Amino acid sequence: MKEIKRAKVLIVDEYQSKQISMMAMMMWRTDRPVCP
């Protein structure tokens, strides 16, 4: 049971970090002045 819980936590952690990095990229893109 502990192993399964740990695996779930790892998956959630990875998912959350992916979401955060995606959001950071979006923010970074909108923050930067767009060059024509």
PDB file of N, CA and C in Angstrom:
ATOM      1  N   MET A   1       0.832  -1.209   0.000  1.00  0.00           N
ATOM      2  CA  MET A   1       0.000   0.000   0.000  1.00  0.00           C
ATOM      3  C   MET A   1       0.869   1.262   0.000  1.00  0.00           C
ATOM      4  N   LYS A   2       1.905   1.257   0.809  1.00  0.00           N
ATOM      5  CA  LYS A   2       2.779   2.437   0.888  1.00  0.00           C
ATOM      6  C   LYS A   2       3.423   2.725  -0.469  1.00  0.00           C
ATOM      7  N   GLU A   3       3.832   1.652  -1.156  1.00  0.00           N
ATOM      8  CA  GLU A   3       4.484   1.831  -2.464  1.00  0.00           C
ATOM      9  C   GLU A   3       3.524   2.496  -3.454  1.00  0.00           C
ATOM     10  N   ILE A   4       2.266   2.034  -3.443  1.00  0.00           N
ATOM     11  CA  ILE A   4       1.276   2.600  -4.366  1.00  0.00           C
ATOM     12  C   ILE A   4       1.067   4.085  -4.052  1.00  0.00           C
ATOM     13  N   LYS A   5       0.952   4.391  -2.771  1.00  0.00           N
ATOM     14  CA  LYS A   5       0.756   5.786  -2.364  1.00  0.00           C
ATOM     15  C   LYS A   5       1.923   6.643  -2.827  1.00  0.00           C
ATOM     16  N   ARG A   6       3.131   6.124  -2.649  1.00  0.00           N
ATOM     17  CA  ARG A   6       4.329   6.880  -3.037  1.00  0.00           C
ATOM     18  C   ARG A   6       4.319   7.126  -4.548  1.00  0.00           C
ATOM     19  N   ALA A   7       3.949   6.104  -5.307  1.00  0.00           N
ATOM     20  CA  ALA A   7       3.904   6.229  -6.766  1.00  0.00           C
ATOM     21  C   ALA A   7       2.888   7.297  -7.162  1.00  0.00           C
ATOM     22  N   LYS A   8       1.734   7.278  -6.502  1.00  0.00           N
ATOM     23  CA  LYS A   8       0.697   8.275  -6.807  1.00  0.00           C
ATOM     24  C   LYS A   8       1.210   9.672  -6.515  1.00  0.00           C
ATOM     25  N   VAL A   9       1.876   9.825  -5.389  1.00  0.00           N
ATOM     26  CA  VAL A   9       2.411  11.136  -5.007  1.00  0.00           C
ATOM     27  C   VAL A   9       3.421  11.608  -6.045  1.00  0.00           C
ATOM     28  N   LEU A  10       4.259  10.698  -6.517  1.00  0.00           N
ATOM     29  CA  LEU A  10       5.265  11.055  -7.521  1.00  0.00           C
ATOM     30  C   LEU A  10       4.591  11.519  -8.804  1.00  0.00           C
ATOM     31  N   ILE A  11       3.545  10.793  -9.221  1.00  0.00           N
ATOM     32  CA  ILE A  11       2.836  11.141 -10.456  1.00  0.00           C
ATOM     33  C   ILE A  11       2.203  12.525 -10.313  1.00  0.00           C
ATOM     34  N   VAL A  12       1.544  12.749  -9.174  1.00  0.00           N
ATOM     35  CA  VAL A  12       0.901  14.046  -8.937  1.00  0.00           C
ATOM     36  C   VAL A  12       1.948  15.149  -8.914  1.00  0.00           C
ATOM     37  N   ASP A  13       3.082  14.887  -8.270  1.00  0.00           N
ATOM     38  CA  ASP A  13       4.157  15.869  -8.182  1.00  0.00           C
ATOM     39  C   ASP A  13       4.651  16.241  -9.579  1.00  0.00           C
ATOM     40  N   GLU A  14       4.862  15.213 -10.422  1.00  0.00           N
ATOM     41  CA  GLU A  14       5.344  15.449 -11.781  1.00  0.00           C
ATOM     42  C   GLU A  14       4.321  16.255 -12.567  1.00  0.00           C
ATOM     43  N   TYR A  15       3.046  15.891 -12.421  1.00  0.00           N
ATOM     44  CA  TYR A  15       1.967  16.573 -13.134  1.00  0.00           C
ATOM     45  C   TYR A  15       1.919  18.045 -12.731  1.00  0.00           C
ATOM     46  N   GLN A  16       1.988  18.292 -11.416  1.00  0.00           N
ATOM     47  CA  GLN A  16       1.922  19.663 -10.916  1.00  0.00           C
ATOM     48  C   GLN A  16       3.114  20.479 -11.404  1.00  0.00           C
ATOM     49  N   SER A  17       4.299  19.879 -11.409  1.00  0.00           N
ATOM     50  CA  SER A  17       5.485  20.614 -11.847  1.00  0.00           C
ATOM     51  C   SER A  17       5.374  20.941 -13.336  1.00  0.00           C
ATOM     52  N   LYS A  18       4.762  20.018 -14.107  1.00  0.00           N
ATOM     53  CA  LYS A  18       4.552  20.269 -15.539  1.00  0.00           C
ATOM     54  C   LYS A  18       3.600  21.439 -15.719  1.00  0.00           C
ATOM     55  N   GLN A  19       2.504  21.444 -14.951  1.00  0.00           N
ATOM     56  CA  GLN A  19       1.520  22.523 -15.032  1.00  0.00           C
ATOM     57  C   GLN A  19       2.175  23.856 -14.679  1.00  0.00           C
ATOM     58  N   ILE A  20       2.981  23.858 -13.622  1.00  0.00           N
ATOM     59  CA  ILE A  20       3.639  25.084 -13.161  1.00  0.00           C
ATOM     60  C   ILE A  20       4.603  25.596 -14.236  1.00  0.00           C
ATOM     61  N   SER A  21       5.375  24.688 -14.837  1.00  0.00           N
ATOM     62  CA  SER A  21       6.337  25.104 -15.858  1.00  0.00           C
ATOM     63  C   SER A  21       5.606  25.631 -17.089  1.00  0.00           C
ATOM     64  N   MET A  22       4.470  25.010 -17.428  1.00  0.00           N
ATOM     65  CA  MET A  22       3.679  25.478 -18.572  1.00  0.00           C
ATOM     66  C   MET A  22       3.143  26.879 -18.298  1.00  0.00           C
ATOM     67  N   MET A  23       2.632  27.082 -17.077  1.00  0.00           N
ATOM     68  CA  MET A  23       2.114  28.396 -16.696  1.00  0.00           C
ATOM     69  C   MET A  23       3.236  29.430 -16.709  1.00  0.00           C
ATOM     70  N   ALA A  24       4.403  29.033 -16.215  1.00  0.00           N
ATOM     71  CA  ALA A  24       5.547  29.945 -16.187  1.00  0.00           C
ATOM     72  C   ALA A  24       5.932  30.351 -17.609  1.00  0.00           C
ATOM     73  N   MET A  25       5.925  29.393 -18.521  1.00  0.00           N
ATOM     74  CA  MET A  25       6.255  29.677 -19.919  1.00  0.00           C
ATOM     75  C   MET A  25       5.249  30.665 -20.501  1.00  0.00           C
ATOM     76  N   MET A  26       3.963  30.445 -20.215  1.00  0.00           N
ATOM     77  CA  MET A  26       2.915  31.330 -20.725  1.00  0.00           C
ATOM     78  C   MET A  26       3.130  32.746 -20.185  1.00  0.00           C
ATOM     79  N   MET A  27       3.380  32.851 -18.872  1.00  0.00           N
ATOM     80  CA  MET A  27       3.592  34.152 -18.249  1.00  0.00           C
ATOM     81  C   MET A  27       4.824  34.828 -18.844  1.00  0.00           C
ATOM     82  N   TRP A  28       5.891  34.038 -19.021  1.00  0.00           N
ATOM     83  CA  TRP A  28       7.143  34.564 -19.560  1.00  0.00           C
ATOM     84  C   TRP A  28       6.917  35.121 -20.966  1.00  0.00           C
ATOM     85  N   ARG A  29       6.128  34.385 -21.761  1.00  0.00           N
ATOM     86  CA  ARG A  29       5.864  34.813 -23.136  1.00  0.00           C
ATOM     87  C   ARG A  29       5.065  36.107 -23.153  1.00  0.00           C
ATOM     88  N   THR A  30       4.056  36.200 -22.275  1.00  0.00           N
ATOM     89  CA  THR A  30       3.214  37.399 -22.280  1.00  0.00           C
ATOM     90  C   THR A  30       3.961  38.581 -21.674  1.00  0.00           C
ATOM     91  N   ASP A  31       4.885  38.308 -20.754  1.00  0.00           N
ATOM     92  CA  ASP A  31       5.649  39.378 -20.110  1.00  0.00           C
ATOM     93  C   ASP A  31       6.608  40.041 -21.098  1.00  0.00           C
ATOM     94  N   ARG A  32       7.194  39.228 -21.955  1.00  0.00           N
ATOM     95  CA  ARG A  32       8.209  39.753 -22.877  1.00  0.00           C
ATOM     96  C   ARG A  32       7.549  40.603 -23.967  1.00  0.00           C
ATOM     97  N   PRO A  33       8.150  41.708 -24.327  1.00  0.00           N
ATOM     98  CA  PRO A  33       7.645  42.504 -25.452  1.00  0.00           C
ATOM     99  C   PRO A  33       7.851  41.733 -26.752  1.00  0.00           C
ATOM    100  N   VAL A  34       6.803  41.646 -27.539  1.00  0.00           N
ATOM    101  CA  VAL A  34       6.877  40.843 -28.772  1.00  0.00           C
ATOM    102  C   VAL A  34       7.572  41.655 -29.860  1.00  0.00           C
ATOM    103  N   CYS A  35       8.609  41.093 -30.439  1.00  0.00           N
ATOM    104  CA  CYS A  35       9.340  41.766 -31.512  1.00  0.00           C
ATOM    105  C   CYS A  35       8.715  41.394 -32.855  1.00  0.00           C
ATOM    106  N   PRO A  36       8.422  42.372 -33.683  1.00  0.00           N
ATOM    107  CA  PRO A  36       7.812  42.095 -34.992  1.00  0.00           C
ATOM    108  C   PRO A  36       8.782  41.409 -35.939  1.00  0.00           C
TER     109      PRO A  36
END
